[in-house]
């Protein structure tokens, strides 16, 4: 599952939930394509996942 940011308020009939602008939802790739296909572009946007626990390359001097 991937995270998506809600750009326009919409009601998901499959989950019987309303998503507000600015909220983040987890959707399968298939479901995100269904939503975009039925509602059109501009309702959800993929959120890039940040790598939080990745060690940084800081050479010691």
PDB file of N, CA and C in Angstrom:
ATOM      1  N   UNK A   1       0.841  -1.175   0.000  1.00  0.00           N
ATOM      2  CA  UNK A   1       0.000   0.000   0.000  1.00  0.00           C
ATOM      3  C   UNK A   1       0.885   1.237   0.000  1.00  0.00           C
ATOM      4  N   UNK A   2       0.382   2.270  -0.642  1.00  0.00           N
ATOM      5  CA  UNK A   2       1.109   3.528  -0.735  1.00  0.00           C
ATOM      6  C   UNK A   2       0.302   4.641  -0.097  1.00  0.00           C
ATOM      7  N   UNK A   3       0.997   5.703   0.282  1.00  0.00           N
ATOM      8  CA  UNK A   3       0.330   6.853   0.882  1.00  0.00           C
ATOM      9  C   UNK A   3       0.041   7.898  -0.186  1.00  0.00           C
ATOM     10  N   UNK A   4      -1.140   8.530  -0.047  1.00  0.00           N
ATOM     11  CA  UNK A   4      -1.564   9.569  -0.971  1.00  0.00           C
ATOM     12  C   UNK A   4      -2.082  10.764  -0.188  1.00  0.00           C
ATOM     13  N   UNK A   5      -1.766  11.958  -0.688  1.00  0.00           N
ATOM     14  CA  UNK A   5      -2.270  13.189  -0.087  1.00  0.00           C
ATOM     15  C   UNK A   5      -3.549  13.575  -0.815  1.00  0.00           C
ATOM     16  N   UNK A   6      -4.569  13.981  -0.058  1.00  0.00           N
ATOM     17  CA  UNK A   6      -5.852  14.376  -0.634  1.00  0.00           C
ATOM     18  C   UNK A   6      -5.774  15.845  -1.044  1.00  0.00           C
ATOM     19  N   UNK A   7      -6.012  16.110  -2.333  1.00  0.00           N
ATOM     20  CA  UNK A   7      -5.961  17.469  -2.865  1.00  0.00           C
ATOM     21  C   UNK A   7      -7.341  18.107  -2.950  1.00  0.00           C
ATOM     22  N   UNK A   8      -8.370  17.276  -3.119  1.00  0.00           N
ATOM     23  CA  UNK A   8      -9.761  17.741  -3.166  1.00  0.00           C
ATOM     24  C   UNK A   8     -10.600  16.780  -2.335  1.00  0.00           C
ATOM     25  N   UNK A   9     -11.531  17.324  -1.568  1.00  0.00           N
ATOM     26  CA  UNK A   9     -12.391  16.504  -0.716  1.00  0.00           C
ATOM     27  C   UNK A   9     -13.206  15.538  -1.574  1.00  0.00           C
ATOM     28  N   UNK A  10     -13.275  14.268  -1.127  1.00  0.00           N
ATOM     29  CA  UNK A  10     -14.099  13.283  -1.829  1.00  0.00           C
ATOM     30  C   UNK A  10     -14.569  12.212  -0.861  1.00  0.00           C
ATOM     31  N   UNK A  11     -15.610  11.503  -1.266  1.00  0.00           N
ATOM     32  CA  UNK A  11     -16.168  10.407  -0.469  1.00  0.00           C
ATOM     33  C   UNK A  11     -15.837   9.093  -1.160  1.00  0.00           C
ATOM     34  N   UNK A  12     -15.190   8.201  -0.434  1.00  0.00           N
ATOM     35  CA  UNK A  12     -14.828   6.879  -0.942  1.00  0.00           C
ATOM     36  C   UNK A  12     -15.988   5.933  -0.642  1.00  0.00           C
ATOM     37  N   UNK A  13     -16.720   5.545  -1.673  1.00  0.00           N
ATOM     38  CA  UNK A  13     -17.878   4.675  -1.489  1.00  0.00           C
ATOM     39  C   UNK A  13     -17.482   3.284  -1.012  1.00  0.00           C
ATOM     40  N   UNK A  14     -16.309   2.818  -1.424  1.00  0.00           N
ATOM     41  CA  UNK A  14     -15.858   1.478  -1.039  1.00  0.00           C
ATOM     42  C   UNK A  14     -15.604   1.386   0.472  1.00  0.00           C
ATOM     43  N   UNK A  15     -15.036   2.433   1.049  1.00  0.00           N
ATOM     44  CA  UNK A  15     -14.737   2.435   2.486  1.00  0.00           C
ATOM     45  C   UNK A  15     -15.762   3.225   3.289  1.00  0.00           C
ATOM     46  N   UNK A  16     -16.712   3.846   2.609  1.00  0.00           N
ATOM     47  CA  UNK A  16     -17.722   4.700   3.234  1.00  0.00           C
ATOM     48  C   UNK A  16     -17.059   5.739   4.138  1.00  0.00           C
ATOM     49  N   UNK A  17     -16.066   6.441   3.552  1.00  0.00           N
ATOM     50  CA  UNK A  17     -15.315   7.452   4.296  1.00  0.00           C
ATOM     51  C   UNK A  17     -15.154   8.700   3.441  1.00  0.00           C
ATOM     52  N   UNK A  18     -15.201   9.852   4.091  1.00  0.00           N
ATOM     53  CA  UNK A  18     -14.955  11.118   3.412  1.00  0.00           C
ATOM     54  C   UNK A  18     -13.556  11.580   3.774  1.00  0.00           C
ATOM     55  N   UNK A  19     -12.787  11.953   2.762  1.00  0.00           N
ATOM     56  CA  UNK A  19     -11.418  12.405   2.966  1.00  0.00           C
ATOM     57  C   UNK A  19     -11.344  13.909   2.737  1.00  0.00           C
ATOM     58  N   UNK A  20     -10.784  14.607   3.721  1.00  0.00           N
ATOM     59  CA  UNK A  20     -10.665  16.058   3.685  1.00  0.00           C
ATOM     60  C   UNK A  20      -9.363  16.469   3.008  1.00  0.00           C
ATOM     61  N   UNK A  21      -9.348  17.680   2.475  1.00  0.00           N
ATOM     62  CA  UNK A  21      -8.158  18.236   1.834  1.00  0.00           C
ATOM     63  C   UNK A  21      -7.004  18.260   2.839  1.00  0.00           C
ATOM     64  N   UNK A  22      -5.838  17.813   2.395  1.00  0.00           N
ATOM     65  CA  UNK A  22      -4.644  17.816   3.231  1.00  0.00           C
ATOM     66  C   UNK A  22      -4.424  16.548   4.026  1.00  0.00           C
ATOM     67  N   UNK A  23      -5.431  15.677   4.079  1.00  0.00           N
ATOM     68  CA  UNK A  23      -5.255  14.428   4.826  1.00  0.00           C
ATOM     69  C   UNK A  23      -4.440  13.435   3.996  1.00  0.00           C
ATOM     70  N   UNK A  24      -3.935  12.422   4.659  1.00  0.00           N
ATOM     71  CA  UNK A  24      -3.150  11.383   4.003  1.00  0.00           C
ATOM     72  C   UNK A  24      -3.873  10.055   4.166  1.00  0.00           C
ATOM     73  N   UNK A  25      -3.980   9.308   3.055  1.00  0.00           N
ATOM     74  CA  UNK A  25      -4.658   8.020   3.084  1.00  0.00           C
ATOM     75  C   UNK A  25      -3.749   6.954   2.488  1.00  0.00           C
ATOM     76  N   UNK A  26      -3.924   5.721   2.945  1.00  0.00           N
ATOM     77  CA  UNK A  26      -3.188   4.591   2.386  1.00  0.00           C
ATOM     78  C   UNK A  26      -4.105   3.845   1.437  1.00  0.00           C
ATOM     79  N   UNK A  27      -3.635   3.672   0.202  1.00  0.00           N
ATOM     80  CA  UNK A  27      -4.420   3.006  -0.829  1.00  0.00           C
ATOM     81  C   UNK A  27      -3.546   2.018  -1.583  1.00  0.00           C
ATOM     82  N   UNK A  28      -4.177   0.983  -2.106  1.00  0.00           N
ATOM     83  CA  UNK A  28      -3.456   0.085  -3.000  1.00  0.00           C
ATOM     84  C   UNK A  28      -3.300   0.789  -4.340  1.00  0.00           C
ATOM     85  N   UNK A  29      -2.396   0.315  -5.137  1.00  0.00           N
ATOM     86  CA  UNK A  29      -2.196   0.886  -6.466  1.00  0.00           C
ATOM     87  C   UNK A  29      -3.481   0.779  -7.284  1.00  0.00           C
ATOM     88  N   UNK A  30      -4.133  -0.374  -7.168  1.00  0.00           N
ATOM     89  CA  UNK A  30      -5.380  -0.600  -7.902  1.00  0.00           C
ATOM     90  C   UNK A  30      -6.451   0.410  -7.489  1.00  0.00           C
ATOM     91  N   UNK A  31      -6.601   0.616  -6.169  1.00  0.00           N
ATOM     92  CA  UNK A  31      -7.641   1.530  -5.678  1.00  0.00           C
ATOM     93  C   UNK A  31      -7.327   2.978  -6.061  1.00  0.00           C
ATOM     94  N   UNK A  32      -6.076   3.370  -6.030  1.00  0.00           N
ATOM     95  CA  UNK A  32      -5.718   4.737  -6.414  1.00  0.00           C
ATOM     96  C   UNK A  32      -6.036   4.984  -7.890  1.00  0.00           C
ATOM     97  N   UNK A  33      -5.836   3.965  -8.723  1.00  0.00           N
ATOM     98  CA  UNK A  33      -6.174   4.095 -10.146  1.00  0.00           C
ATOM     99  C   UNK A  33      -7.683   4.172 -10.341  1.00  0.00           C
ATOM    100  N   UNK A  34      -8.439   3.408  -9.542  1.00  0.00           N
ATOM    101  CA  UNK A  34      -9.906   3.466  -9.623  1.00  0.00           C
ATOM    102  C   UNK A  34     -10.413   4.856  -9.254  1.00  0.00           C
ATOM    103  N   UNK A  35      -9.875   5.415  -8.176  1.00  0.00           N
ATOM    104  CA  UNK A  35     -10.300   6.748  -7.730  1.00  0.00           C
ATOM    105  C   UNK A  35      -9.975   7.790  -8.788  1.00  0.00           C
ATOM    106  N   UNK A  36      -8.760   7.770  -9.309  1.00  0.00           N
ATOM    107  CA  UNK A  36      -8.375   8.735 -10.341  1.00  0.00           C
ATOM    108  C   UNK A  36      -9.192   8.543 -11.611  1.00  0.00           C
ATOM    109  N   UNK A  37      -9.512   7.296 -11.939  1.00  0.00           N
ATOM    110  CA  UNK A  37     -10.297   7.014 -13.134  1.00  0.00           C
ATOM    111  C   UNK A  37     -11.730   7.498 -13.031  1.00  0.00           C
ATOM    112  N   UNK A  38     -12.322   7.371 -11.839  1.00  0.00           N
ATOM    113  CA  UNK A  38     -13.721   7.770 -11.657  1.00  0.00           C
ATOM    114  C   UNK A  38     -13.876   9.254 -11.357  1.00  0.00           C
ATOM    115  N   UNK A  39     -12.970   9.811 -10.557  1.00  0.00           N
ATOM    116  CA  UNK A  39     -13.090  11.213 -10.160  1.00  0.00           C
ATOM    117  C   UNK A  39     -12.285  12.149 -11.051  1.00  0.00           C
ATOM    118  N   UNK A  40     -11.284  11.608 -11.714  1.00  0.00           N
ATOM    119  CA  UNK A  40     -10.405  12.431 -12.539  1.00  0.00           C
ATOM    120  C   UNK A  40      -9.135  12.772 -11.775  1.00  0.00           C
ATOM    121  N   UNK A  41      -8.203  13.355 -12.476  1.00  0.00           N
ATOM    122  CA  UNK A  41      -6.938  13.737 -11.852  1.00  0.00           C
ATOM    123  C   UNK A  41      -7.161  14.918 -10.914  1.00  0.00           C
ATOM    124  N   UNK A  42      -6.277  15.070  -9.957  1.00  0.00           N
ATOM    125  CA  UNK A  42      -6.331  16.214  -9.068  1.00  0.00           C
ATOM    126  C   UNK A  42      -6.992  15.969  -7.730  1.00  0.00           C
ATOM    127  N   UNK A  43      -7.407  14.738  -7.446  1.00  0.00           N
ATOM    128  CA  UNK A  43      -8.019  14.439  -6.152  1.00  0.00           C
ATOM    129  C   UNK A  43      -7.009  13.859  -5.165  1.00  0.00           C
ATOM    130  N   UNK A  44      -6.091  13.036  -5.656  1.00  0.00           N
ATOM    131  CA  UNK A  44      -5.062  12.454  -4.795  1.00  0.00           C
ATOM    132  C   UNK A  44      -3.705  12.585  -5.467  1.00  0.00           C
ATOM    133  N   UNK A  45      -2.670  12.618  -4.630  1.00  0.00           N
ATOM    134  CA  UNK A  45      -1.302  12.735  -5.128  1.00  0.00           C
ATOM    135  C   UNK A  45      -0.413  11.813  -4.305  1.00  0.00           C
ATOM    136  N   UNK A  46       0.441  11.026  -4.958  1.00  0.00           N
ATOM    137  CA  UNK A  46       1.321  10.130  -4.197  1.00  0.00           C
ATOM    138  C   UNK A  46       2.248  10.917  -3.274  1.00  0.00           C
ATOM    139  N   UNK A  47       2.493  10.365  -2.102  1.00  0.00           N
ATOM    140  CA  UNK A  47       3.409  10.970  -1.139  1.00  0.00           C
ATOM    141  C   UNK A  47       4.703  10.182  -1.197  1.00  0.00           C
ATOM    142  N   UNK A  48       5.811  10.892  -1.366  1.00  0.00           N
ATOM    143  CA  UNK A  48       7.105  10.216  -1.385  1.00  0.00           C
ATOM    144  C   UNK A  48       7.475   9.833   0.035  1.00  0.00           C
ATOM    145  N   UNK A  49       7.810   8.575   0.209  1.00  0.00           N
ATOM    146  CA  UNK A  49       8.183   8.073   1.532  1.00  0.00           C
ATOM    147  C   UNK A  49       9.629   8.477   1.809  1.00  0.00           C
ATOM    148  N   UNK A  50       9.864   9.048   2.981  1.00  0.00           N
ATOM    149  CA  UNK A  50      11.206   9.457   3.372  1.00  0.00           C
ATOM    150  C   UNK A  50      11.875   8.321   4.126  1.00  0.00           C
ATOM    151  N   UNK A  51      13.150   8.162   3.868  1.00  0.00           N
ATOM    152  CA  UNK A  51      13.916   7.141   4.578  1.00  0.00           C
ATOM    153  C   UNK A  51      14.409   7.771   5.874  1.00  0.00           C
ATOM    154  N   UNK A  52      13.801   7.379   7.002  1.00  0.00           N
ATOM    155  CA  UNK A  52      14.095   8.020   8.273  1.00  0.00           C
ATOM    156  C   UNK A  52      15.308   7.443   8.992  1.00  0.00           C
ATOM    157  N   UNK A  53      15.491   6.159   8.939  1.00  0.00           N
ATOM    158  CA  UNK A  53      16.554   5.533   9.718  1.00  0.00           C
ATOM    159  C   UNK A  53      17.782   5.182   8.892  1.00  0.00           C
ATOM    160  N   UNK A  54      17.916   5.796   7.767  1.00  0.00           N
ATOM    161  CA  UNK A  54      19.059   5.519   6.912  1.00  0.00           C
ATOM    162  C   UNK A  54      20.273   6.310   7.419  1.00  0.00           C
ATOM    163  N   UNK A  55      21.392   5.645   7.646  1.00  0.00           N
ATOM    164  CA  UNK A  55      22.578   6.378   8.104  1.00  0.00           C
ATOM    165  C   UNK A  55      23.097   7.300   7.009  1.00  0.00           C
ATOM    166  N   UNK A  56      23.531   8.474   7.433  1.00  0.00           N
ATOM    167  CA  UNK A  56      24.051   9.449   6.478  1.00  0.00           C
ATOM    168  C   UNK A  56      25.532   9.194   6.257  1.00  0.00           C
ATOM    169  N   UNK A  57      25.987   9.548   5.070  1.00  0.00           N
ATOM    170  CA  UNK A  57      27.401   9.403   4.747  1.00  0.00           C
ATOM    171  C   UNK A  57      28.145  10.650   5.215  1.00  0.00           C
ATOM    172  N   UNK A  58      28.571  10.639   6.454  1.00  0.00           N
ATOM    173  CA  UNK A  58      29.342  11.743   7.014  1.00  0.00           C
ATOM    174  C   UNK A  58      30.731  11.227   7.356  1.00  0.00           C
ATOM    175  N   UNK A  59      31.684  11.471   6.474  1.00  0.00           N
ATOM    176  CA  UNK A  59      33.037  10.987   6.770  1.00  0.00           C
ATOM    177  C   UNK A  59      33.607  11.713   7.990  1.00  0.00           C
ATOM    178  N   UNK A  60      34.253  10.951   8.863  1.00  0.00           N
ATOM    179  CA  UNK A  60      34.865  11.544  10.056  1.00  0.00           C
ATOM    180  C   UNK A  60      36.199  12.156   9.679  1.00  0.00           C
ATOM    181  N   UNK A  61      36.462  13.311  10.247  1.00  0.00           N
ATOM    182  CA  UNK A  61      37.725  14.001   9.952  1.00  0.00           C
ATOM    183  C   UNK A  61      38.683  13.860  11.094  1.00  0.00           C
TER     184      UNK A  61
END
